[in-house]
PDB file of N, CA and C in Angstrom:
ATOM      1  N   MET A   1       0.754  -1.230   0.000  1.00  0.00           N
ATOM      2  CA  MET A   1      -0.064  -0.116   0.149  1.00  0.00           C
ATOM      3  C   MET A   1       0.743   1.341  -0.102  1.00  0.00           C
ATOM      4  N   LYS A   2       0.705   1.910  -0.474  1.00  0.00           N
ATOM      5  CA  LYS A   2       1.334   3.233  -1.209  1.00  0.00           C
ATOM      6  C   LYS A   2       1.354   4.353   0.520  1.00  0.00           C
ATOM      7  N   THR A   3       2.227   4.840   0.355  1.00  0.00           N
ATOM      8  CA  THR A   3       2.321   6.172   1.989  1.00  0.00           C
ATOM      9  C   THR A   3       1.847   7.117   1.497  1.00  0.00           C
ATOM     10  N   ASN A   4       1.035   7.877   1.797  1.00  0.00           N
ATOM     11  CA  ASN A   4       0.114   9.169   1.961  1.00  0.00           C
ATOM     12  C   ASN A   4       1.105  10.106   2.645  1.00  0.00           C
ATOM     13  N   ARG A   5       1.300  11.390   1.885  1.00  0.00           N
ATOM     14  CA  ARG A   5       2.597  12.465   2.650  1.00  0.00           C
ATOM     15  C   ARG A   5       2.073  12.876   3.970  1.00  0.00           C
ATOM     16  N   ASN A   6       1.142  12.785   4.549  1.00  0.00           N
ATOM     17  CA  ASN A   6       1.083  13.458   5.956  1.00  0.00           C
ATOM     18  C   ASN A   6       1.018  12.325   6.954  1.00  0.00           C
ATOM     19  N   GLU A   7       1.031  10.917   6.262  1.00  0.00           N
ATOM     20  CA  GLU A   7       1.047  10.035   7.275  1.00  0.00           C
ATOM     21  C   GLU A   7       2.321   9.798   7.861  1.00  0.00           C
ATOM     22  N   PRO A   8       2.257   8.770   9.017  1.00  0.00           N
ATOM     23  CA  PRO A   8       3.569   9.022   9.994  1.00  0.00           C
ATOM     24  C   PRO A   8       4.392   8.115   8.933  1.00  0.00           C
ATOM     25  N   CYS A   9       5.939   8.558   9.115  1.00  0.00           N
ATOM     26  CA  CYS A   9       7.009   7.604   8.328  1.00  0.00           C
ATOM     27  C   CYS A   9       6.970   6.038   8.532  1.00  0.00           C
ATOM     28  N   PRO A  10       7.161   5.257   7.735  1.00  0.00           N
ATOM     29  CA  PRO A  10       7.217   3.940   8.167  1.00  0.00           C
ATOM     30  C   PRO A  10       8.609   3.641   8.722  1.00  0.00           C
ATOM     31  N   CYS A  11       9.664   4.185   8.664  1.00  0.00           N
ATOM     32  CA  CYS A  11      11.012   4.086   9.083  1.00  0.00           C
ATOM     33  C   CYS A  11      11.063   4.455  10.377  1.00  0.00           C
ATOM     34  N   GLY A  12       9.807   4.330  11.276  1.00  0.00           N
ATOM     35  CA  GLY A  12      10.279   5.001  12.780  1.00  0.00           C
ATOM     36  C   GLY A  12      10.291   6.166  13.233  1.00  0.00           C
ATOM     37  N   SER A  13      10.680   7.372  12.514  1.00  0.00           N
ATOM     38  CA  SER A  13      11.079   8.497  12.806  1.00  0.00           C
ATOM     39  C   SER A  13      10.472   9.126  13.461  1.00  0.00           C
ATOM     40  N   GLU A  14       8.945   9.293  13.500  1.00  0.00           N
ATOM     41  CA  GLU A  14       7.745   9.577  14.135  1.00  0.00           C
ATOM     42  C   GLU A  14       7.376  11.149  13.092  1.00  0.00           C
ATOM     43  N   GLN A  15       8.096  11.616  12.394  1.00  0.00           N
ATOM     44  CA  GLN A  15       7.602  12.540  11.223  1.00  0.00           C
ATOM     45  C   GLN A  15       7.133  12.267   9.948  1.00  0.00           C
ATOM     46  N   LYS A  16       6.509  13.351   9.724  1.00  0.00           N
ATOM     47  CA  LYS A  16       5.735  12.921   8.578  1.00  0.00           C
ATOM     48  C   LYS A  16       6.251  12.260   7.606  1.00  0.00           C
ATOM     49  N   TYR A  17       5.627  11.437   6.522  1.00  0.00           N
ATOM     50  CA  TYR A  17       6.545  11.071   5.653  1.00  0.00           C
ATOM     51  C   TYR A  17       7.139  11.992   4.537  1.00  0.00           C
ATOM     52  N   LYS A  18       6.853  13.091   4.219  1.00  0.00           N
ATOM     53  CA  LYS A  18       6.560  14.138   3.527  1.00  0.00           C
ATOM     54  C   LYS A  18       8.016  14.932   3.929  1.00  0.00           C
ATOM     55  N   ASN A  19       8.481  15.097   4.852  1.00  0.00           N
ATOM     56  CA  ASN A  19       9.679  15.722   5.705  1.00  0.00           C
ATOM     57  C   ASN A  19      10.729  14.673   5.945  1.00  0.00           C
ATOM     58  N   CYS A  20      10.189  13.183   5.748  1.00  0.00           N
ATOM     59  CA  CYS A  20      11.641  12.303   6.172  1.00  0.00           C
ATOM     60  C   CYS A  20      11.952  11.336   4.729  1.00  0.00           C
ATOM     61  N   CYS A  21      10.928  10.474   4.474  1.00  0.00           N
ATOM     62  CA  CYS A  21      11.674   9.597   3.306  1.00  0.00           C
ATOM     63  C   CYS A  21      11.368  10.215   1.855  1.00  0.00           C
ATOM     64  N   GLY A  22       9.966  11.023   2.537  1.00  0.00           N
ATOM     65  CA  GLY A  22       9.421  11.386   0.910  1.00  0.00           C
ATOM     66  C   GLY A  22      10.461  12.371   0.234  1.00  0.00           C
ATOM     67  N   LYS A  23      11.582  13.070   0.951  1.00  0.00           N
ATOM     68  CA  LYS A  23      12.414  13.879  -0.181  1.00  0.00           C
ATOM     69  C   LYS A  23      13.220  12.973  -0.431  1.00  0.00           C
ATOM     70  N   LYS A  24      13.289  12.043   0.070  1.00  0.00           N
ATOM     71  CA  LYS A  24      14.149  11.209  -0.868  1.00  0.00           C
ATOM     72  C   LYS A  24      14.076  10.770  -2.144  1.00  0.00           C
ATOM     73  N   GLY A  25      12.598  11.141  -2.476  1.00  0.00           N
ATOM     74  CA  GLY A  25      12.507  10.393  -3.825  1.00  0.00           C
ATOM     75  C   GLY A  25      12.787  11.927  -5.023  1.00  0.00           C
ATOM     76  N   LEU A  26      12.648  12.878  -4.513  1.00  0.00           N
ATOM     77  CA  LEU A  26      12.710  14.342  -4.816  1.00  0.00           C
ATOM     78  C   LEU A  26      14.201  14.500  -4.835  1.00  0.00           C
ATOM     79  N   GLN A  27      15.127  14.203  -4.522  1.00  0.00           N
ATOM     80  CA  GLN A  27      16.026  14.741  -4.672  1.00  0.00           C
ATOM     81  C   GLN A  27      17.453  14.339  -6.228  1.00  0.00           C
ATOM     82  N   LEU A  28      17.841  15.097  -6.964  1.00  0.00           N
ATOM     83  CA  LEU A  28      18.418  14.638  -8.027  1.00  0.00           C
ATOM     84  C   LEU A  28      19.948  14.033  -7.714  1.00  0.00           C
ATOM     85  N   SER A  29      20.209  13.499  -8.978  1.00  0.00           N
ATOM     86  CA  SER A  29      21.471  12.948  -8.400  1.00  0.00           C
ATOM     87  C   SER A  29      22.551  13.913  -9.391  1.00  0.00           C
ATOM     88  N   LYS A  30      23.971  13.835  -9.462  1.00  0.00           N
ATOM     89  CA  LYS A  30      24.938  14.807  -9.805  1.00  0.00           C
ATOM     90  C   LYS A  30      24.725  14.728 -11.312  1.00  0.00           C
ATOM     91  N   GLU A  31      24.368  13.895 -11.741  1.00  0.00           N
ATOM     92  CA  GLU A  31      24.428  12.999 -13.742  1.00  0.00           C
ATOM     93  C   GLU A  31      22.831  14.240 -13.715  1.00  0.00           C
ATOM     94  N   GLN A  32      22.232  13.457 -12.625  1.00  0.00           N
ATOM     95  CA  GLN A  32      20.578  14.540 -12.940  1.00  0.00           C
ATOM     96  C   GLN A  32      20.783  15.968 -13.179  1.00  0.00           C
ATOM     97  N   LYS A  33      21.515  16.842 -11.915  1.00  0.00           N
ATOM     98  CA  LYS A  33      21.697  18.115 -11.775  1.00  0.00           C
ATOM     99  C   LYS A  33      22.431  18.794 -13.023  1.00  0.00           C
ATOM    100  N   TYR A  34      23.667  17.467 -13.655  1.00  0.00           N
ATOM    101  CA  TYR A  34      24.500  17.963 -15.036  1.00  0.00           C
ATOM    102  C   TYR A  34      23.429  18.048 -16.064  1.00  0.00           C
ATOM    103  N   ILE A  35      22.608  17.443 -16.171  1.00  0.00           N
ATOM    104  CA  ILE A  35      21.974  17.368 -17.575  1.00  0.00           C
ATOM    105  C   ILE A  35      20.751  18.194 -17.653  1.00  0.00           C
ATOM    106  N   LYS A  36      20.011  18.794 -16.065  1.00  0.00           N
ATOM    107  CA  LYS A  36      19.387  20.023 -16.072  1.00  0.00           C
ATOM    108  C   LYS A  36      19.642  21.467 -16.448  1.00  0.00           C
ATOM    109  N   TRP A  37      20.870  20.998 -15.789  1.00  0.00           N
ATOM    110  CA  TRP A  37      21.537  22.923 -15.900  1.00  0.00           C
ATOM    111  C   TRP A  37      22.202  22.444 -17.654  1.00  0.00           C
ATOM    112  N   ILE A  38      22.587  21.444 -18.112  1.00  0.00           N
ATOM    113  CA  ILE A  38      22.709  22.081 -19.720  1.00  0.00           C
ATOM    114  C   ILE A  38      21.551  21.819 -20.346  1.00  0.00           C
ATOM    115  N   ILE A  39      20.365  21.505 -20.136  1.00  0.00           N
ATOM    116  CA  ILE A  39      19.449  22.065 -20.731  1.00  0.00           C
ATOM    117  C   ILE A  39      18.735  23.297 -20.598  1.00  0.00           C
ATOM    118  N   SER A  40      18.956  23.579 -19.656  1.00  0.00           N
ATOM    119  CA  SER A  40      18.596  25.026 -18.947  1.00  0.00           C
ATOM    120  C   SER A  40      19.185  25.985 -19.728  1.00  0.00           C
ATOM    121  N   ILE A  41      20.777  26.003 -20.014  1.00  0.00           N
ATOM    122  CA  ILE A  41      21.527  26.715 -20.820  1.00  0.00           C
ATOM    123  C   ILE A  41      21.023  26.681 -22.143  1.00  0.00           C
ATOM    124  N   CYS A  42      20.779  25.228 -22.742  1.00  0.00           N
ATOM    125  CA  CYS A  42      19.887  25.275 -23.947  1.00  0.00           C
ATOM    126  C   CYS A  42      19.136  26.385 -24.605  1.00  0.00           C
ATOM    127  N   ILE A  43      17.862  25.929 -23.619  1.00  0.00           N
ATOM    128  CA  ILE A  43      17.085  26.754 -23.409  1.00  0.00           C
ATOM    129  C   ILE A  43      17.342  28.028 -23.378  1.00  0.00           C
ATOM    130  N   LEU A  44      18.387  28.487 -22.833  1.00  0.00           N
ATOM    131  CA  LEU A  44      18.596  30.017 -22.488  1.00  0.00           C
ATOM    132  C   LEU A  44      18.983  30.679 -23.646  1.00  0.00           C
ATOM    133  N   ILE A  45      19.946  29.656 -24.582  1.00  0.00           N
ATOM    134  CA  ILE A  45      20.611  30.427 -25.393  1.00  0.00           C
ATOM    135  C   ILE A  45      19.627  30.015 -26.590  1.00  0.00           C
ATOM    136  N   PHE A  46      18.722  29.152 -26.732  1.00  0.00           N
ATOM    137  CA  PHE A  46      17.396  29.293 -28.083  1.00  0.00           C
ATOM    138  C   PHE A  46      16.861  30.373 -27.870  1.00  0.00           C
ATOM    139  N   LEU A  47      16.257  30.682 -26.421  1.00  0.00           N
ATOM    140  CA  LEU A  47      15.326  32.312 -26.348  1.00  0.00           C
ATOM    141  C   LEU A  47      15.967  33.321 -26.228  1.00  0.00           C
ATOM    142  N   PHE A  48      17.723  33.364 -26.739  1.00  0.00           N
ATOM    143  CA  PHE A  48      18.069  34.561 -27.097  1.00  0.00           C
ATOM    144  C   PHE A  48      18.189  34.976 -28.365  1.00  0.00           C
ATOM    145  N   VAL A  49      18.555  33.833 -28.678  1.00  0.00           N
ATOM    146  CA  VAL A  49      18.567  33.659 -30.212  1.00  0.00           C
ATOM    147  C   VAL A  49      17.579  34.253 -30.786  1.00  0.00           C
ATOM    148  N   THR A  50      16.512  33.630 -30.630  1.00  0.00           N
ATOM    149  CA  THR A  50      15.162  33.789 -31.028  1.00  0.00           C
ATOM    150  C   THR A  50      14.633  35.579 -30.825  1.00  0.00           C
ATOM    151  N   THR A  51      14.823  36.092 -29.946  1.00  0.00           N
ATOM    152  CA  THR A  51      14.625  37.000 -29.346  1.00  0.00           C
ATOM    153  C   THR A  51      15.394  38.073 -30.068  1.00  0.00           C
ATOM    154  N   PHE A  52      16.599  38.042 -30.058  1.00  0.00           N
ATOM    155  CA  PHE A  52      17.934  38.777 -31.169  1.00  0.00           C
ATOM    156  C   PHE A  52      17.046  38.936 -32.614  1.00  0.00           C
ATOM    157  N   GLY A  53      16.691  37.498 -32.942  1.00  0.00           N
ATOM    158  CA  GLY A  53      16.343  37.545 -34.249  1.00  0.00           C
ATOM    159  C   GLY A  53      15.371  38.148 -34.581  1.00  0.00           C
ATOM    160  N   ILE A  54      14.264  37.969 -33.827  1.00  0.00           N
ATOM    161  CA  ILE A  54      12.898  38.760 -33.660  1.00  0.00           C
ATOM    162  C   ILE A  54      13.170  40.448 -34.017  1.00  0.00           C
ATOM    163  N   ILE A  55      14.208  40.886 -33.045  1.00  0.00           N
ATOM    164  CA  ILE A  55      14.247  42.070 -32.639  1.00  0.00           C
ATOM    165  C   ILE A  55      14.899  43.046 -33.921  1.00  0.00           C
ATOM    166  N   ASP A  56      15.946  42.067 -34.372  1.00  0.00           N
ATOM    167  CA  ASP A  56      17.261  42.685 -35.623  1.00  0.00           C
ATOM    168  C   ASP A  56      16.071  42.530 -36.876  1.00  0.00           C
ATOM    169  N   SER A  57      15.071  41.753 -37.232  1.00  0.00           N
ATOM    170  CA  SER A  57      14.210  41.625 -38.271  1.00  0.00           C
ATOM    171  C   SER A  57      12.887  43.003 -38.274  1.00  0.00           C
ATOM    172  N   PHE A  58      13.167  43.077 -37.142  1.00  0.00           N
ATOM    173  CA  PHE A  58      12.146  44.627 -37.004  1.00  0.00           C
ATOM    174  C   PHE A  58      12.761  46.216 -37.001  1.00  0.00           C
ATOM    175  N   SER A  59      14.089  45.433 -36.687  1.00  0.00           N
ATOM    176  CA  SER A  59      14.766  46.911 -36.674  1.00  0.00           C
ATOM    177  C   SER A  59      15.603  47.443 -38.057  1.00  0.00           C
ATOM    178  N   SER A  60      16.027  46.489 -38.246  1.00  0.00           N
ATOM    179  CA  SER A  60      16.788  46.309 -40.056  1.00  0.00           C
ATOM    180  C   SER A  60      15.901  47.573 -40.756  1.00  0.00           C
ATOM    181  N   ASP A  61      16.382  48.081 -41.541  1.00  0.00           N
ATOM    182  CA  ASP A  61      16.132  49.250 -42.459  1.00  0.00           C
ATOM    183  C   ASP A  61      15.848  48.212 -43.577  1.00  0.00           C
ATOM    184  N   LYS A  62      14.984  48.010 -44.586  1.00  0.00           N
ATOM    185  CA  LYS A  62      14.514  47.016 -45.648  1.00  0.00           C
ATOM    186  C   LYS A  62      14.311  48.464 -47.178  1.00  0.00           C
ATOM    187  N   PRO A  63      14.644  47.791 -47.801  1.00  0.00           N
ATOM    188  CA  PRO A  63      13.396  48.831 -48.865  1.00  0.00           C
ATOM    189  C   PRO A  63      12.502  48.149 -48.857  1.00  0.00           C
ATOM    190  N   ASP A  64      11.760  49.770 -49.652  1.00  0.00           N
ATOM    191  CA  ASP A  64      10.421  49.079 -50.083  1.00  0.00           C
ATOM    192  C   ASP A  64      10.799  48.196 -51.472  1.00  0.00           C
ATOM    193  N   MET A  65       9.247  47.743 -51.551  1.00  0.00           N
ATOM    194  CA  MET A  65       9.735  46.352 -52.554  1.00  0.00           C
ATOM    195  C   MET A  65       8.762  46.744 -53.530  1.00  0.00           C
ATOM    196  N   GLU A  66       8.385  46.799 -54.533  1.00  0.00           N
ATOM    197  CA  GLU A  66       7.260  46.815 -55.690  1.00  0.00           C
ATOM    198  C   GLU A  66       7.384  45.651 -56.694  1.00  0.00           C
ATOM    199  N   ALA A  67       5.662  45.326 -57.151  1.00  0.00           N
ATOM    200  CA  ALA A  67       5.416  43.985 -58.001  1.00  0.00           C
ATOM    201  C   ALA A  67       5.377  44.522 -59.325  1.00  0.00           C
ATOM    202  N   TYR A  68       6.146  43.545 -60.021  1.00  0.00           N
ATOM    203  CA  TYR A  68       6.436  44.214 -61.434  1.00  0.00           C
ATOM    204  C   TYR A  68       6.067  42.484 -62.197  1.00  0.00           C
ATOM    205  N   LYS A  69       5.554  42.806 -63.106  1.00  0.00           N
ATOM    206  CA  LYS A  69       5.240  41.552 -64.506  1.00  0.00           C
ATOM    207  C   LYS A  69       6.588  41.646 -64.896  1.00  0.00           C
ATOM    208  N   CYS A  70       7.096  40.459 -65.181  1.00  0.00           N
ATOM    209  CA  CYS A  70       8.282  40.039 -66.042  1.00  0.00           C
ATOM    210  C   CYS A  70       7.804  40.313 -67.498  1.00  0.00           C
ATOM    211  N   ASP A  71       9.194  40.877 -68.354  1.00  0.00           N
ATOM    212  CA  ASP A  71       8.397  40.976 -69.628  1.00  0.00           C
ATOM    213  C   ASP A  71       8.812  38.955 -70.531  1.00  0.00           C
ATOM    214  N   ASN A  72       9.588  38.519 -69.944  1.00  0.00           N
ATOM    215  CA  ASN A  72       9.450  37.620 -70.406  1.00  0.00           C
ATOM    216  C   ASN A  72       8.204  36.972 -70.583  1.00  0.00           C
ATOM    217  N   PRO A  73       7.787  36.718 -71.945  1.00  0.00           N
ATOM    218  CA  PRO A  73       6.135  35.909 -72.218  1.00  0.00           C
ATOM    219  C   PRO A  73       5.730  34.721 -71.907  1.00  0.00           C
ATOM    220  N   ASN A  74       7.003  33.655 -71.460  1.00  0.00           N
ATOM    221  CA  ASN A  74       6.694  32.702 -70.802  1.00  0.00           C
ATOM    222  C   ASN A  74       6.755  32.776 -69.359  1.00  0.00           C
ATOM    223  N   CYS A  75       7.168  33.881 -68.753  1.00  0.00           N
ATOM    224  CA  CYS A  75       7.170  33.730 -67.481  1.00  0.00           C
ATOM    225  C   CYS A  75       5.702  34.331 -66.721  1.00  0.00           C
ATOM    226  N   ASN A  76       4.940  33.773 -65.786  1.00  0.00           N
ATOM    227  CA  ASN A  76       3.599  34.116 -65.902  1.00  0.00           C
ATOM    228  C   ASN A  76       3.481  34.577 -63.969  1.00  0.00           C
ATOM    229  N   ARG A  77       4.993  34.719 -63.490  1.00  0.00           N
ATOM    230  CA  ARG A  77       5.214  34.982 -62.214  1.00  0.00           C
ATOM    231  C   ARG A  77       5.048  36.322 -62.162  1.00  0.00           C
ATOM    232  N   ILE A  78       5.016  36.962 -60.884  1.00  0.00           N
ATOM    233  CA  ILE A  78       5.293  38.510 -60.232  1.00  0.00           C
ATOM    234  C   ILE A  78       6.604  38.139 -59.680  1.00  0.00           C
ATOM    235  N   HIS A  79       7.574  39.206 -59.274  1.00  0.00           N
ATOM    236  CA  HIS A  79       8.551  39.619 -59.438  1.00  0.00           C
ATOM    237  C   HIS A  79       8.451  40.663 -58.242  1.00  0.00           C
ATOM    238  N   TYR A  80       9.403  40.925 -57.391  1.00  0.00           N
ATOM    239  CA  TYR A  80       9.665  42.175 -56.535  1.00  0.00           C
ATOM    240  C   TYR A  80      10.851  42.751 -56.880  1.00  0.00           C
ATOM    241  N   ARG A  81      10.719  44.016 -56.769  1.00  0.00           N
ATOM    242  CA  ARG A  81      11.706  44.900 -57.145  1.00  0.00           C
ATOM    243  C   ARG A  81      12.170  45.773 -56.355  1.00  0.00           C
ATOM    244  N   PRO A  82      13.144  46.378 -55.720  1.00  0.00           N
ATOM    245  CA  PRO A  82      12.982  47.745 -55.296  1.00  0.00           C
ATOM    246  C   PRO A  82      12.606  49.013 -55.722  1.00  0.00           C
ATOM    247  N   VAL A  83      12.290  49.663 -54.818  1.00  0.00           N
ATOM    248  CA  VAL A  83      11.151  50.949 -55.158  1.00  0.00           C
ATOM    249  C   VAL A  83      12.037  51.639 -55.990  1.00  0.00           C
ATOM    250  N   SER A  84      12.092  52.576 -57.582  1.00  0.00           N
ATOM    251  CA  SER A  84      13.244  53.193 -57.722  1.00  0.00           C
ATOM    252  C   SER A  84      11.960  54.494 -58.061  1.00  0.00           C
ATOM    253  N   GLU A  85      13.030  55.672 -58.086  1.00  0.00           N
ATOM    254  CA  GLU A  85      12.221  56.932 -58.037  1.00  0.00           C
ATOM    255  C   GLU A  85      12.289  57.566 -59.199  1.00  0.00           C
ATOM    256  N   GLN A  86      11.193  58.025 -59.727  1.00  0.00           N
ATOM    257  CA  GLN A  86      10.801  58.397 -61.009  1.00  0.00           C
ATOM    258  C   GLN A  86      10.287  59.669 -60.664  1.00  0.00           C
ATOM    259  N   ASN A  87      11.038  60.574 -61.571  1.00  0.00           N
ATOM    260  CA  ASN A  87      11.127  62.400 -61.348  1.00  0.00           C
ATOM    261  C   ASN A  87       9.559  62.347 -62.661  1.00  0.00           C
TER     262      ASN A  87
END
């Protein structure tokens, strides 16, 4: 039968299970702590690169583009080019 968190600990310490043997299951080994740190660092790097890319995308100056139809009779696509100032 499973021990409830608030029941007395079966080891005989007269403490609640959550304050005695219940904590042992939550402790991480050195390898698990190392893996946890590596994953955390990878997530932070990914978030930093993503945030930097979004900010750079919105802050960079991009030329205005205009759509035009190609002069080639075999090309049925619409192409884009920078807007040219015509006087």
